[in-house]
Amino acid sequence: MTLAQRTRRIAPPGTSKMRTIANELKAQGLQVINFAAGELDVDTDELVKEGARKAIDGGHNIYTPTLGLPELRKQVAALVTRHAGVAYAHNEVGLTAGAKQALYNAAMVLIDPEDEVIIPAPYWVTFPTQVELAQGRPVFVDTRPHGYQLLASDVQRAITPRTRALILNTPNNPTGAVYGREELAKIAALAIEHDFWVIFDECYASLVRAGHRHKHILAIEPRLKERAVLVNSFSKSHALTGWRLGYVAAPAEVIKAMENLQGHTTSNPSSVAQYAVSHALAHDDGSFIAAINRALDERLRQALAIVADMPEVKVAPPQGAFYLFLDISAHLGRRLGDLVVADVDQFCELALREAQIALVSGAAFGDPSSVRVSYAIAPGDVVEGLHRLRRLLQRLR
């Protein structure tokens, strides 16, 4: 395989072309509403800024241990213990350059060539690619027939003698689904019975919509701890995506293997980010994320009122995170003038050109019938952008 072929194989689908179109529209003075961003539209927590300033002024600008500051690892261990309901020690956690590196570390230290990894679909775009980079084989389980909930019975049918791991992402990106307690209990039992790892990605755990609650798989089944890799990030909970600070919790021998791997890839994550987050954790009263969730609940209420008026559009239950996952399959194959909307990728391009809204194609998430819309943008943009989408759908014949 040539370098060009390898590059195309792992490139995020469609991003370059869509970015070019968006730049052309902006050059024409047109306002593009960006529903594609996977981050909050607020600045980072003031506690984080305060901690960063203290770190810089205090000269903490040098290397730290590979998996992070000892004090921060103790804080993260306490955080994980509180959320999971199972005790974690400092040598069972590590800091990474975002949750993406934690997931990459897990793939590289756990997966051997030809190992199978079960991935519920729709999925975050990076999951299958990281499995393939480790020379494993993704095995997809479709959640759409069951309201985007993962059923243990479907997982059981996907298990083979080569099953090495299952990646669970709840609250889910892109659908917003929060997996239910009963099914998580059954899935944990399957992992114990068949001896495979559960990689539990809960990066949106702090972002759950009103009336719903994130369920931690270890709080449901503590015996799974020896087969669980927990992945989380401060990107969403403290609105610091650009600072690149995530964390992982796993059995001590797995963490040690990750330390060895990370020592030869990135080494430690940003020292300033570590000191800043350590300061924030020491003083956090929960008010920052509570305010964010209140704002997101209100934006979701407004968004759903507009989506309800969109012809022949179905929406995944938006229980967590900040996405609407819209099934527009009824509109594929329709026309706008002489143009036939052949697939969801073409629809996203049409939406950008005709309505000046940037969507994410569901094809990138393993669902060629849907688009992802983030409502974590300015409230006025949420309303205006969804009205533009509604009007575009009404124009299709």
Protein backbone atom coordinates (compact mmCIF):
# COMPACT_ATOMS: atom_id res chain seq x y z
CA MET A 1 0.00 0.00 0.00
CA THR A 2 1.39 3.40 -0.98
CA LEU A 3 1.61 6.36 1.38
CA ALA A 4 -1.19 8.11 -0.54
CA GLN A 5 -3.41 5.06 -0.18
CA ARG A 6 -2.69 4.83 3.53
CA THR A 7 -3.47 8.53 3.96
CA ARG A 8 -6.80 8.21 2.16
CA ARG A 9 -7.68 5.11 4.17
CA ILE A 10 -7.49 6.87 7.52
CA ALA A 11 -8.61 10.37 6.48
CA PRO A 12 -11.87 11.66 8.02
CA PRO A 13 -14.46 11.39 5.22
CA GLY A 14 -15.50 14.49 3.34
CA THR A 15 -13.92 17.08 5.61
CA SER A 16 -11.55 18.66 3.08
CA LYS A 17 -14.20 19.24 0.41
CA MET A 18 -16.74 20.63 2.88
CA ARG A 19 -14.16 22.99 4.34
CA THR A 20 -13.34 24.29 0.86
CA ILE A 21 -17.02 24.97 0.14
CA ALA A 22 -17.48 26.72 3.48
CA ASN A 23 -14.50 28.97 2.79
CA GLU A 24 -15.90 29.85 -0.64
CA LEU A 25 -19.25 30.82 0.90
CA LYS A 26 -17.60 32.94 3.57
CA ALA A 27 -15.55 34.69 0.88
CA GLN A 28 -18.87 35.63 -0.74
CA GLY A 29 -20.00 37.22 2.53
CA LEU A 30 -22.48 34.44 3.37
CA GLN A 31 -22.93 33.33 6.98
CA VAL A 32 -22.36 29.62 7.45
CA ILE A 33 -23.95 28.15 10.56
CA ASN A 34 -21.68 25.39 11.81
CA PHE A 35 -23.61 22.45 13.23
CA ALA A 36 -20.57 20.21 12.76
CA ALA A 37 -18.38 21.16 15.72
CA GLY A 38 -18.08 18.61 18.52
CA GLU A 39 -17.44 21.12 21.28
CA LEU A 40 -19.27 23.53 23.55
CA ASP A 41 -19.62 27.17 22.55
CA VAL A 42 -18.48 28.47 25.95
CA ASP A 43 -15.04 29.45 27.15
CA THR A 44 -13.25 27.17 29.55
CA ASP A 45 -13.97 27.13 33.27
CA GLU A 46 -12.48 30.13 35.10
CA LEU A 47 -10.98 27.74 37.64
CA VAL A 48 -8.98 26.13 34.83
CA LYS A 49 -7.70 29.53 33.65
CA GLU A 50 -6.75 30.45 37.19
CA GLY A 51 -4.85 27.19 37.61
CA ALA A 52 -3.08 27.67 34.28
CA ARG A 53 -1.92 31.18 35.19
CA LYS A 54 -0.57 29.92 38.50
CA ALA A 55 1.23 27.07 36.75
CA ILE A 56 2.88 29.35 34.19
CA ASP A 57 3.85 31.95 36.77
CA GLY A 58 5.18 29.17 38.99
CA GLY A 59 7.45 27.87 36.26
CA HIS A 60 5.65 24.55 35.74
CA ASN A 61 6.51 24.43 32.05
CA ILE A 62 8.68 21.33 31.93
CA TYR A 63 8.11 17.60 31.44
CA THR A 64 5.96 15.70 33.91
CA PRO A 65 5.92 11.91 34.39
CA THR A 66 4.60 10.18 31.28
CA LEU A 67 1.12 9.45 32.64
CA GLY A 68 0.80 12.71 34.52
CA LEU A 69 1.47 14.44 37.80
CA PRO A 70 1.24 12.11 40.83
CA GLU A 71 -1.15 14.49 42.59
CA LEU A 72 -3.44 14.73 39.56
CA ARG A 73 -3.44 10.95 39.17
CA LYS A 74 -4.60 10.68 42.78
CA GLN A 75 -7.35 13.24 42.09
CA VAL A 76 -8.45 11.37 38.97
CA ALA A 77 -8.43 8.07 40.86
CA ALA A 78 -10.72 9.62 43.46
CA LEU A 79 -12.94 11.03 40.68
CA VAL A 80 -13.23 7.66 38.96
CA THR A 81 -13.86 5.90 42.27
CA ARG A 82 -16.71 8.29 43.02
CA HIS A 83 -18.34 7.92 39.61
CA ALA A 84 -17.81 4.17 39.13
CA GLY A 85 -18.53 3.14 42.71
CA VAL A 86 -15.43 0.92 42.58
CA ALA A 87 -12.10 1.81 44.21
CA TYR A 88 -9.24 2.91 41.94
CA ALA A 89 -5.67 3.64 43.01
CA HIS A 90 -3.36 6.20 41.41
CA ASN A 91 -1.46 3.47 39.53
CA GLU A 92 -4.71 2.37 37.90
CA VAL A 93 -5.23 5.71 36.11
CA GLY A 94 -3.24 7.82 33.68
CA LEU A 95 -3.45 11.19 31.94
CA THR A 96 -3.40 11.35 28.14
CA ALA A 97 -3.45 13.94 25.37
CA GLY A 98 -7.23 13.87 25.14
CA ALA A 99 -9.52 10.86 25.37
CA LYS A 100 -8.57 9.97 21.80
CA GLN A 101 -5.07 9.04 22.95
CA ALA A 102 -6.50 6.99 25.81
CA LEU A 103 -8.56 5.04 23.28
CA TYR A 104 -5.55 4.66 20.98
CA ASN A 105 -3.44 3.40 23.88
CA ALA A 106 -6.14 0.85 24.70
CA ALA A 107 -6.28 -0.39 21.11
CA MET A 108 -2.51 -0.71 20.86
CA VAL A 109 -1.93 -2.57 24.13
CA LEU A 110 -4.99 -4.85 24.06
CA ILE A 111 -5.65 -5.77 20.43
CA ASP A 112 -3.60 -8.27 18.45
CA PRO A 113 -3.79 -8.82 14.68
CA GLU A 114 -7.14 -10.38 13.64
CA ASP A 115 -8.72 -9.82 17.05
CA GLU A 116 -12.37 -8.80 16.75
CA VAL A 117 -13.75 -5.71 18.47
CA ILE A 118 -17.51 -5.24 18.71
CA ILE A 119 -18.58 -1.65 17.99
CA PRO A 120 -22.21 -0.50 18.26
CA ALA A 121 -23.32 1.55 15.26
CA PRO A 122 -23.74 4.45 14.79
CA TYR A 123 -20.30 5.00 16.27
CA TRP A 124 -17.79 7.78 16.76
CA VAL A 125 -15.71 7.87 13.59
CA THR A 126 -12.38 7.07 15.26
CA PHE A 127 -13.38 3.76 16.90
CA PRO A 128 -13.08 1.44 13.87
CA THR A 129 -10.01 3.21 12.49
CA GLN A 130 -8.09 2.76 15.74
CA VAL A 131 -9.02 -0.92 15.81
CA GLU A 132 -7.75 -1.27 12.24
CA LEU A 133 -4.53 0.58 13.10
CA ALA A 134 -3.96 -2.13 15.71
CA GLN A 135 -4.63 -4.69 12.94
CA GLY A 136 -7.85 -5.79 14.59
CA ARG A 137 -11.22 -6.25 12.91
CA PRO A 138 -14.25 -4.09 13.77
CA VAL A 139 -17.52 -6.01 14.12
CA PHE A 140 -20.50 -3.67 13.94
CA VAL A 141 -23.79 -4.10 15.80
CA ASP A 142 -26.64 -1.94 14.52
CA THR A 143 -28.58 -0.13 17.28
CA ARG A 144 -31.05 1.62 14.98
CA PRO A 145 -33.76 -1.08 15.08
CA HIS A 146 -34.05 -0.62 18.86
CA GLY A 147 -34.20 3.17 19.16
CA TYR A 148 -30.39 3.46 19.12
CA GLN A 149 -30.13 1.38 22.28
CA LEU A 150 -27.61 -1.47 22.37
CA LEU A 151 -29.16 -4.83 23.23
CA ALA A 152 -27.16 -7.55 24.94
CA SER A 153 -28.81 -10.12 22.69
CA ASP A 154 -27.27 -8.40 19.64
CA VAL A 155 -23.87 -8.30 21.33
CA GLN A 156 -24.16 -12.01 22.13
CA ARG A 157 -24.80 -12.85 18.48
CA ALA A 158 -21.67 -10.92 17.49
CA ILE A 159 -19.37 -12.79 19.91
CA THR A 160 -16.93 -15.29 18.39
CA PRO A 161 -13.82 -17.06 19.72
CA ARG A 162 -11.81 -14.09 18.35
CA THR A 163 -13.77 -11.43 20.25
CA ARG A 164 -11.24 -9.38 22.22
CA ALA A 165 -13.18 -6.26 23.22
CA LEU A 166 -16.39 -4.25 23.04
CA ILE A 167 -16.36 -0.46 22.77
CA LEU A 168 -19.26 1.19 24.60
CA ASN A 169 -19.87 4.92 24.22
CA THR A 170 -22.58 6.33 26.46
CA PRO A 171 -23.88 9.03 26.32
CA ASN A 172 -23.40 8.32 22.66
CA ASN A 173 -21.78 10.40 19.96
CA PRO A 174 -23.42 10.84 17.43
CA THR A 175 -26.90 9.76 18.57
CA GLY A 176 -27.20 11.24 22.06
CA ALA A 177 -28.52 7.90 23.38
CA VAL A 178 -27.84 6.94 26.99
CA TYR A 179 -27.61 3.17 27.34
CA GLY A 180 -29.99 1.56 29.82
CA ARG A 181 -29.08 -0.10 33.10
CA GLU A 182 -30.65 -3.48 32.35
CA GLU A 183 -28.83 -3.97 29.05
CA LEU A 184 -25.51 -2.75 30.50
CA ALA A 185 -25.85 -5.37 33.26
CA LYS A 186 -26.42 -8.11 30.68
CA ILE A 187 -23.51 -6.88 28.55
CA ALA A 188 -21.21 -6.88 31.57
CA ALA A 189 -22.24 -10.46 32.29
CA LEU A 190 -21.38 -11.43 28.70
CA ALA A 191 -17.93 -9.84 29.02
CA ILE A 192 -17.26 -11.80 32.20
CA GLU A 193 -18.57 -15.05 30.73
CA HIS A 194 -16.67 -14.76 27.44
CA ASP A 195 -13.60 -13.01 28.87
CA PHE A 196 -13.39 -9.94 26.66
CA TRP A 197 -12.53 -6.33 27.48
CA VAL A 198 -15.08 -3.53 27.74
CA ILE A 199 -13.69 -0.17 26.65
CA PHE A 200 -16.15 2.22 28.28
CA ASP A 201 -16.01 5.67 26.67
CA GLU A 202 -18.00 8.09 28.84
CA CYS A 203 -16.63 11.41 27.59
CA TYR A 204 -20.12 12.94 27.71
CA ALA A 205 -20.99 11.57 31.16
CA SER A 206 -21.38 15.06 32.63
CA LEU A 207 -23.64 16.19 29.77
CA VAL A 208 -26.97 14.44 30.25
CA ARG A 209 -30.28 16.02 29.38
CA ALA A 210 -33.01 16.71 31.95
CA GLY A 211 -34.88 13.60 32.99
CA HIS A 212 -32.06 11.21 32.11
CA ARG A 213 -29.07 9.81 33.97
CA HIS A 214 -25.77 8.33 32.87
CA LYS A 215 -25.33 4.74 34.06
CA HIS A 216 -21.81 3.59 34.85
CA ILE A 217 -21.23 -0.04 33.93
CA LEU A 218 -19.01 -0.70 36.97
CA ALA A 219 -21.59 0.73 39.34
CA ILE A 220 -23.94 -1.86 37.84
CA GLU A 221 -21.43 -4.76 37.80
CA PRO A 222 -18.30 -4.14 39.93
CA ARG A 223 -16.80 -7.54 38.98
CA LEU A 224 -16.15 -6.17 35.49
CA LYS A 225 -13.34 -3.95 36.80
CA GLU A 226 -10.59 -6.42 35.86
CA ARG A 227 -11.85 -6.41 32.25
CA ALA A 228 -12.75 -2.72 31.94
CA VAL A 229 -10.91 0.24 30.44
CA LEU A 230 -12.62 3.50 31.38
CA VAL A 231 -12.01 6.50 29.13
CA ASN A 232 -13.01 10.07 29.85
CA SER A 233 -11.89 13.63 29.19
CA PHE A 234 -11.94 17.10 30.65
CA SER A 235 -12.74 18.49 27.18
CA LYS A 236 -16.50 18.50 27.71
CA SER A 237 -16.82 18.76 31.49
CA HIS A 238 -14.54 21.84 31.62
CA ALA A 239 -14.89 23.12 28.02
CA LEU A 240 -11.20 22.83 27.16
CA THR A 241 -11.09 20.77 23.97
CA GLY A 242 -7.98 22.58 22.75
CA TRP A 243 -6.00 21.79 25.90
CA ARG A 244 -6.00 18.04 25.09
CA LEU A 245 -6.32 16.37 28.46
CA GLY A 246 -8.07 13.05 28.91
CA TYR A 247 -7.68 10.13 31.24
CA VAL A 248 -7.96 6.37 31.41
CA ALA A 249 -8.60 3.92 34.23
CA ALA A 250 -7.80 0.22 33.95
CA PRO A 251 -6.02 -2.62 35.80
CA ALA A 252 -2.51 -1.60 36.87
CA GLU A 253 -0.77 -3.87 34.36
CA VAL A 254 -2.73 -2.28 31.49
CA ILE A 255 -1.87 1.20 32.73
CA LYS A 256 1.80 0.21 32.90
CA ALA A 257 1.67 -1.03 29.30
CA MET A 258 0.06 2.25 28.27
CA GLU A 259 2.81 4.15 30.08
CA ASN A 260 5.43 2.28 28.06
CA LEU A 261 3.59 2.98 24.81
CA GLN A 262 2.93 6.64 25.59
CA GLY A 263 6.58 7.08 26.53
CA HIS A 264 7.44 6.39 22.90
CA THR A 265 4.62 8.42 21.30
CA THR A 266 3.69 11.70 23.00
CA SER A 267 5.20 11.30 26.47
CA ASN A 268 3.28 13.42 28.98
CA PRO A 269 0.25 15.54 28.11
CA SER A 270 0.58 19.31 28.53
CA SER A 271 2.06 20.16 31.91
CA VAL A 272 0.15 23.44 32.14
CA ALA A 273 -3.13 21.70 31.34
CA GLN A 274 -2.44 19.19 34.08
CA TYR A 275 -1.75 21.82 36.73
CA ALA A 276 -4.77 23.82 35.57
CA VAL A 277 -7.16 20.88 35.81
CA SER A 278 -5.71 19.78 39.14
CA HIS A 279 -6.50 23.26 40.49
CA ALA A 280 -10.02 23.12 39.03
CA LEU A 281 -10.74 19.69 40.52
CA ALA A 282 -9.61 20.87 43.93
CA HIS A 283 -12.05 23.79 43.89
CA ASP A 284 -14.89 22.62 41.63
CA ASP A 285 -18.41 22.99 43.08
CA GLY A 286 -20.25 21.70 40.02
CA SER A 287 -21.76 25.06 39.08
CA PHE A 288 -19.92 25.36 35.74
CA ILE A 289 -21.27 22.17 34.19
CA ALA A 290 -24.68 22.68 35.79
CA ALA A 291 -25.05 26.01 34.00
CA ILE A 292 -24.00 24.40 30.72
CA ASN A 293 -26.58 21.65 31.07
CA ARG A 294 -29.34 24.15 31.79
CA ALA A 295 -28.45 26.07 28.64
CA LEU A 296 -28.28 22.89 26.56
CA ASP A 297 -31.67 21.72 27.88
CA GLU A 298 -33.25 24.97 26.71
CA ARG A 299 -31.56 24.83 23.30
CA LEU A 300 -32.72 21.24 22.88
CA ARG A 301 -36.30 22.23 23.73
CA GLN A 302 -36.23 24.91 21.02
CA ALA A 303 -34.52 22.61 18.54
CA LEU A 304 -37.00 19.77 18.95
CA ALA A 305 -39.92 22.13 18.37
CA ILE A 306 -38.46 22.99 14.94
CA VAL A 307 -37.48 19.40 14.10
CA ALA A 308 -41.05 18.31 14.82
CA ASP A 309 -42.12 20.49 11.89
CA MET A 310 -39.61 18.96 9.48
CA PRO A 311 -41.30 16.70 6.92
CA GLU A 312 -40.55 12.97 7.25
CA VAL A 313 -37.60 13.38 9.61
CA LYS A 314 -37.01 11.09 12.57
CA VAL A 315 -34.74 11.97 15.47
CA ALA A 316 -32.79 9.67 17.77
CA PRO A 317 -33.76 10.12 21.44
CA PRO A 318 -31.51 13.04 22.52
CA GLN A 319 -30.83 11.89 26.07
CA GLY A 320 -27.24 13.04 26.48
CA ALA A 321 -24.34 14.92 24.88
CA PHE A 322 -25.44 17.81 22.62
CA TYR A 323 -26.34 16.27 19.28
CA LEU A 324 -29.46 15.69 17.25
CA PHE A 325 -29.11 12.67 15.00
CA LEU A 326 -31.67 13.13 12.25
CA ASP A 327 -32.83 10.32 9.97
CA ILE A 328 -33.43 11.95 6.58
CA SER A 329 -33.65 8.71 4.58
CA ALA A 330 -37.11 9.67 3.25
CA HIS A 331 -35.50 12.60 1.41
CA LEU A 332 -32.65 10.70 -0.25
CA GLY A 333 -33.32 10.15 -3.95
CA ARG A 334 -35.38 13.33 -4.20
CA ARG A 335 -34.59 16.30 -6.38
CA LEU A 336 -33.78 19.95 -6.03
CA GLY A 337 -34.18 21.24 -9.56
CA ASP A 338 -32.07 18.98 -11.77
CA LEU A 339 -30.01 17.63 -8.89
CA VAL A 340 -30.87 14.22 -7.47
CA VAL A 341 -29.82 13.85 -3.82
CA ALA A 342 -28.19 10.46 -4.20
CA ASP A 343 -26.90 9.95 -0.66
CA VAL A 344 -26.40 11.61 2.70
CA ASP A 345 -22.96 12.94 1.77
CA GLN A 346 -24.45 14.75 -1.20
CA PHE A 347 -27.24 16.06 1.01
CA CYS A 348 -24.69 17.59 3.41
CA GLU A 349 -22.95 19.27 0.48
CA LEU A 350 -26.32 20.56 -0.77
CA ALA A 351 -27.20 21.88 2.70
CA LEU A 352 -23.92 23.77 2.81
CA ARG A 353 -24.27 25.28 -0.65
CA GLU A 354 -28.01 26.01 -0.61
CA ALA A 355 -28.75 26.71 3.05
CA GLN A 356 -25.30 27.66 4.38
CA ILE A 357 -25.46 25.10 7.18
CA ALA A 358 -22.63 22.67 7.94
CA LEU A 359 -23.85 19.21 8.96
CA VAL A 360 -21.94 15.97 9.57
CA SER A 361 -22.86 13.05 7.36
CA GLY A 362 -24.07 9.98 9.18
CA ALA A 363 -22.06 7.88 6.74
CA ALA A 364 -18.98 8.85 8.76
CA PHE A 365 -20.64 7.22 11.78
CA GLY A 366 -21.72 4.07 9.98
CA ASP A 367 -25.27 5.30 9.24
CA PRO A 368 -25.87 6.37 5.62
CA SER A 369 -29.38 7.59 6.37
CA SER A 370 -28.76 10.35 8.90
CA VAL A 371 -27.00 13.63 9.69
CA ARG A 372 -25.59 14.89 12.98
CA VAL A 373 -26.48 18.36 14.23
CA SER A 374 -24.79 19.95 17.24
CA TYR A 375 -26.98 22.26 19.32
CA ALA A 376 -23.97 23.37 21.41
CA ILE A 377 -23.75 26.57 19.38
CA ALA A 378 -25.22 30.04 19.88
CA PRO A 379 -28.98 29.75 20.62
CA GLY A 380 -29.87 32.07 17.76
CA ASP A 381 -27.80 29.97 15.37
CA VAL A 382 -29.52 26.78 16.53
CA VAL A 383 -32.92 28.25 15.71
CA GLU A 384 -31.93 29.92 12.45
CA GLY A 385 -29.91 26.95 11.22
CA LEU A 386 -32.69 24.44 11.86
CA HIS A 387 -35.21 26.70 10.11
CA ARG A 388 -32.86 26.76 7.13
CA LEU A 389 -32.70 22.96 7.20
CA ARG A 390 -36.50 22.70 7.40
CA ARG A 391 -36.93 25.02 4.43
CA LEU A 392 -34.39 23.04 2.39
CA LEU A 393 -36.19 19.76 3.08
CA GLN A 394 -39.47 21.34 2.01
CA ARG A 395 -37.91 22.27 -1.34
CA LEU A 396 -36.99 18.68 -2.18
CA ARG A 397 -39.37 16.90 -4.55
